[in-house]
Amino acid sequence: MVRPIRRVDTSARFEKEFRRLAKHLQKLAEKKDAVFRADAFHPSLETHKLGGALKDDWAYSVNQQYRVHFYFADDHTVVYVSIGTHEIYK
């Protein structure tokens, strides 16, 4: 089932981390964001629920190393919390 995202808000942390990414990773993240907005659970994103202290949050893959950490504010609105390697979960 396709789950489109109508609105994406970003945290200050996400904005700061995004600006620090290499330009090629920024471009790839923007492409993945477009896919995510069309279908949050598109197979290429590997969208998955997090565990432990972040059990209410989700992540999707930008590439094999980088992830976008987010949560659903409602069915069609998300908040991007952070972007980076698995270190973002700490």
N, C-alpha and C. Protein backbone atom coordinates (compact mmCIF):
# COMPACT_ATOMS: atom_id res chain seq x y z
N MET A 1 0.84 -1.19 0.00
CA MET A 1 0.00 0.00 0.00
C MET A 1 0.88 1.25 0.00
N VAL A 2 0.62 2.15 -0.92
CA VAL A 2 1.39 3.39 -1.04
C VAL A 2 0.96 4.34 0.08
N ARG A 3 1.95 4.93 0.76
CA ARG A 3 1.66 5.89 1.83
C ARG A 3 2.37 7.20 1.50
N PRO A 4 1.66 8.13 0.83
CA PRO A 4 2.29 9.40 0.48
C PRO A 4 2.44 10.29 1.72
N ILE A 5 3.48 11.10 1.69
CA ILE A 5 3.74 12.06 2.76
C ILE A 5 3.45 13.45 2.21
N ARG A 6 2.53 14.14 2.85
CA ARG A 6 2.13 15.48 2.37
C ARG A 6 3.00 16.59 2.95
N ARG A 7 3.56 16.35 4.15
CA ARG A 7 4.35 17.40 4.79
C ARG A 7 5.53 16.79 5.52
N VAL A 8 6.70 17.43 5.35
CA VAL A 8 7.91 17.04 6.07
C VAL A 8 8.44 18.27 6.80
N ASP A 9 8.51 18.17 8.11
CA ASP A 9 9.15 19.21 8.92
C ASP A 9 10.54 18.71 9.28
N THR A 10 11.44 19.61 9.56
CA THR A 10 12.81 19.22 9.90
C THR A 10 13.24 19.87 11.21
N SER A 11 14.01 19.12 11.99
CA SER A 11 14.55 19.66 13.23
C SER A 11 15.80 20.48 12.92
N ALA A 12 16.20 21.31 13.86
CA ALA A 12 17.43 22.09 13.70
C ALA A 12 18.62 21.14 13.57
N ARG A 13 18.58 20.04 14.30
CA ARG A 13 19.66 19.05 14.23
C ARG A 13 19.77 18.48 12.82
N PHE A 14 18.63 18.11 12.23
CA PHE A 14 18.64 17.57 10.87
C PHE A 14 19.25 18.58 9.91
N GLU A 15 18.80 19.83 10.00
CA GLU A 15 19.30 20.88 9.11
C GLU A 15 20.82 21.02 9.22
N LYS A 16 21.33 21.03 10.42
CA LYS A 16 22.78 21.17 10.66
C LYS A 16 23.54 19.98 10.08
N GLU A 17 23.03 18.76 10.36
CA GLU A 17 23.70 17.55 9.85
C GLU A 17 23.66 17.50 8.32
N PHE A 18 22.54 17.90 7.74
CA PHE A 18 22.40 17.88 6.29
C PHE A 18 23.42 18.83 5.65
N ARG A 19 23.56 20.02 6.19
CA ARG A 19 24.52 20.99 5.64
C ARG A 19 25.96 20.48 5.72
N ARG A 20 26.25 19.63 6.67
CA ARG A 20 27.61 19.10 6.83
C ARG A 20 27.92 17.90 5.93
N LEU A 21 26.90 17.36 5.29
CA LEU A 21 27.12 16.22 4.38
C LEU A 21 27.86 16.68 3.13
N ALA A 22 28.61 15.77 2.54
CA ALA A 22 29.24 16.04 1.25
C ALA A 22 28.13 16.32 0.23
N LYS A 23 28.43 17.13 -0.75
CA LYS A 23 27.43 17.55 -1.76
C LYS A 23 26.78 16.35 -2.45
N HIS A 24 27.56 15.32 -2.78
CA HIS A 24 26.98 14.17 -3.46
C HIS A 24 25.98 13.43 -2.55
N LEU A 25 26.22 13.43 -1.24
CA LEU A 25 25.28 12.81 -0.31
C LEU A 25 24.03 13.67 -0.14
N GLN A 26 24.19 14.99 -0.18
CA GLN A 26 23.03 15.87 -0.12
C GLN A 26 22.12 15.62 -1.31
N LYS A 27 22.70 15.50 -2.50
CA LYS A 27 21.91 15.26 -3.71
C LYS A 27 21.20 13.91 -3.64
N LEU A 28 21.91 12.89 -3.16
CA LEU A 28 21.30 11.57 -3.03
C LEU A 28 20.17 11.61 -2.00
N ALA A 29 20.38 12.29 -0.89
CA ALA A 29 19.35 12.42 0.14
C ALA A 29 18.12 13.14 -0.42
N GLU A 30 18.33 14.14 -1.25
CA GLU A 30 17.20 14.86 -1.85
C GLU A 30 16.42 13.94 -2.80
N LYS A 31 17.12 13.09 -3.54
CA LYS A 31 16.44 12.13 -4.42
C LYS A 31 15.63 11.13 -3.60
N LYS A 32 16.22 10.64 -2.51
CA LYS A 32 15.52 9.68 -1.65
C LYS A 32 14.32 10.34 -0.98
N ASP A 33 14.45 11.63 -0.63
CA ASP A 33 13.34 12.36 -0.04
C ASP A 33 12.16 12.42 -1.00
N ALA A 34 12.43 12.61 -2.28
CA ALA A 34 11.36 12.64 -3.27
C ALA A 34 10.64 11.29 -3.34
N VAL A 35 11.40 10.21 -3.30
CA VAL A 35 10.81 8.87 -3.30
C VAL A 35 9.98 8.70 -2.02
N PHE A 36 10.54 9.11 -0.89
CA PHE A 36 9.87 8.99 0.41
C PHE A 36 8.54 9.75 0.42
N ARG A 37 8.51 10.93 -0.13
CA ARG A 37 7.28 11.72 -0.14
C ARG A 37 6.19 11.07 -1.00
N ALA A 38 6.59 10.37 -2.05
CA ALA A 38 5.64 9.68 -2.91
C ALA A 38 5.13 8.40 -2.25
N ASP A 39 6.02 7.71 -1.54
CA ASP A 39 5.65 6.45 -0.87
C ASP A 39 6.66 6.18 0.24
N ALA A 40 6.26 6.43 1.47
CA ALA A 40 7.16 6.30 2.63
C ALA A 40 7.71 4.88 2.80
N PHE A 41 7.03 3.90 2.21
CA PHE A 41 7.47 2.52 2.37
C PHE A 41 7.91 1.89 1.05
N HIS A 42 8.42 2.72 0.14
CA HIS A 42 8.95 2.20 -1.12
C HIS A 42 10.10 1.25 -0.78
N PRO A 43 10.17 0.08 -1.42
CA PRO A 43 11.20 -0.90 -1.08
C PRO A 43 12.64 -0.37 -1.15
N SER A 44 12.91 0.56 -2.04
CA SER A 44 14.28 1.07 -2.18
C SER A 44 14.74 1.85 -0.95
N LEU A 45 13.80 2.30 -0.13
CA LEU A 45 14.14 3.09 1.06
C LEU A 45 14.49 2.23 2.28
N GLU A 46 14.04 0.99 2.26
CA GLU A 46 14.25 0.10 3.41
C GLU A 46 13.76 0.76 4.71
N THR A 47 12.59 1.38 4.66
CA THR A 47 12.01 2.05 5.82
C THR A 47 11.78 1.03 6.92
N HIS A 48 12.22 1.37 8.12
CA HIS A 48 12.09 0.42 9.24
C HIS A 48 11.87 1.15 10.56
N LYS A 49 11.18 0.46 11.45
CA LYS A 49 10.91 0.99 12.78
C LYS A 49 12.15 0.76 13.64
N LEU A 50 12.44 1.73 14.49
CA LEU A 50 13.59 1.62 15.38
C LEU A 50 13.16 0.94 16.68
N GLY A 51 14.14 0.58 17.49
CA GLY A 51 13.84 -0.12 18.73
C GLY A 51 14.38 0.62 19.94
N GLY A 52 14.23 0.01 21.09
CA GLY A 52 14.76 0.57 22.33
C GLY A 52 14.14 1.91 22.67
N ALA A 53 14.98 2.85 23.06
CA ALA A 53 14.52 4.19 23.46
C ALA A 53 13.87 4.93 22.29
N LEU A 54 14.14 4.49 21.06
CA LEU A 54 13.59 5.15 19.86
C LEU A 54 12.44 4.35 19.25
N LYS A 55 11.77 3.54 20.06
CA LYS A 55 10.77 2.60 19.56
C LYS A 55 9.59 3.26 18.84
N ASP A 56 9.38 4.55 19.03
CA ASP A 56 8.29 5.25 18.34
C ASP A 56 8.77 5.92 17.05
N ASP A 57 10.04 5.78 16.74
CA ASP A 57 10.64 6.44 15.58
C ASP A 57 10.94 5.45 14.46
N TRP A 58 11.27 6.01 13.31
CA TRP A 58 11.52 5.24 12.09
C TRP A 58 12.80 5.74 11.43
N ALA A 59 13.27 5.01 10.43
CA ALA A 59 14.41 5.46 9.63
C ALA A 59 14.26 4.89 8.22
N TYR A 60 14.86 5.58 7.27
CA TYR A 60 14.98 5.02 5.92
C TYR A 60 16.40 5.25 5.44
N SER A 61 16.80 4.42 4.47
CA SER A 61 18.18 4.43 3.99
C SER A 61 18.37 5.43 2.86
N VAL A 62 19.43 6.22 2.97
CA VAL A 62 19.87 7.09 1.89
C VAL A 62 20.80 6.27 0.99
N ASN A 63 21.71 5.55 1.63
CA ASN A 63 22.57 4.57 0.96
C ASN A 63 22.89 3.50 2.01
N GLN A 64 23.89 2.67 1.77
CA GLN A 64 24.19 1.61 2.73
C GLN A 64 24.67 2.15 4.08
N GLN A 65 25.22 3.33 4.09
CA GLN A 65 25.81 3.88 5.31
C GLN A 65 24.95 4.95 5.99
N TYR A 66 24.21 5.74 5.22
CA TYR A 66 23.49 6.89 5.76
C TYR A 66 21.99 6.64 5.87
N ARG A 67 21.40 7.17 6.94
CA ARG A 67 19.99 7.01 7.24
C ARG A 67 19.36 8.36 7.56
N VAL A 68 18.05 8.44 7.34
CA VAL A 68 17.26 9.57 7.82
C VAL A 68 16.40 9.04 8.96
N HIS A 69 16.54 9.63 10.12
CA HIS A 69 15.78 9.27 11.32
C HIS A 69 14.58 10.22 11.38
N PHE A 70 13.37 9.67 11.53
CA PHE A 70 12.17 10.50 11.53
C PHE A 70 11.09 9.88 12.40
N TYR A 71 10.02 10.64 12.62
CA TYR A 71 8.83 10.09 13.26
C TYR A 71 7.59 10.64 12.56
N PHE A 72 6.51 9.89 12.67
CA PHE A 72 5.24 10.31 12.09
C PHE A 72 4.52 11.22 13.07
N ALA A 73 4.22 12.45 12.65
CA ALA A 73 3.42 13.36 13.45
C ALA A 73 1.93 13.00 13.29
N ASP A 74 1.57 12.56 12.09
CA ASP A 74 0.25 11.98 11.80
C ASP A 74 0.43 11.10 10.56
N ASP A 75 -0.65 10.60 10.01
CA ASP A 75 -0.54 9.64 8.90
C ASP A 75 0.20 10.16 7.67
N HIS A 76 0.17 11.46 7.43
CA HIS A 76 0.79 12.00 6.23
C HIS A 76 1.77 13.13 6.51
N THR A 77 2.22 13.25 7.76
CA THR A 77 3.20 14.27 8.16
C THR A 77 4.31 13.61 8.96
N VAL A 78 5.56 13.93 8.60
CA VAL A 78 6.69 13.41 9.36
C VAL A 78 7.60 14.55 9.78
N VAL A 79 8.43 14.25 10.76
CA VAL A 79 9.46 15.18 11.21
C VAL A 79 10.79 14.46 11.07
N TYR A 80 11.68 15.03 10.25
CA TYR A 80 13.03 14.50 10.13
C TYR A 80 13.82 14.96 11.35
N VAL A 81 14.35 14.00 12.11
CA VAL A 81 15.08 14.29 13.34
C VAL A 81 16.56 14.47 13.06
N SER A 82 17.14 13.53 12.29
CA SER A 82 18.57 13.59 12.00
C SER A 82 18.89 12.81 10.74
N ILE A 83 20.11 13.02 10.24
CA ILE A 83 20.60 12.31 9.07
C ILE A 83 22.07 12.00 9.30
N GLY A 84 22.47 10.78 8.99
CA GLY A 84 23.87 10.39 9.15
C GLY A 84 24.02 8.88 9.23
N THR A 85 25.15 8.46 9.74
CA THR A 85 25.42 7.03 9.90
C THR A 85 24.66 6.53 11.13
N HIS A 86 24.87 5.29 11.52
CA HIS A 86 24.18 4.74 12.69
C HIS A 86 24.48 5.52 13.97
N GLU A 87 25.46 6.37 13.96
CA GLU A 87 25.79 7.20 15.13
C GLU A 87 24.63 8.15 15.48
N ILE A 88 23.76 8.43 14.53
CA ILE A 88 22.66 9.36 14.79
C ILE A 88 21.69 8.82 15.82
N TYR A 89 21.69 7.52 16.04
CA TYR A 89 20.75 6.92 16.98
C TYR A 89 21.20 7.05 18.43
N LYS A 90 22.40 7.56 18.65
CA LYS A 90 22.94 7.67 20.01
C LYS A 90 22.57 8.99 20.64
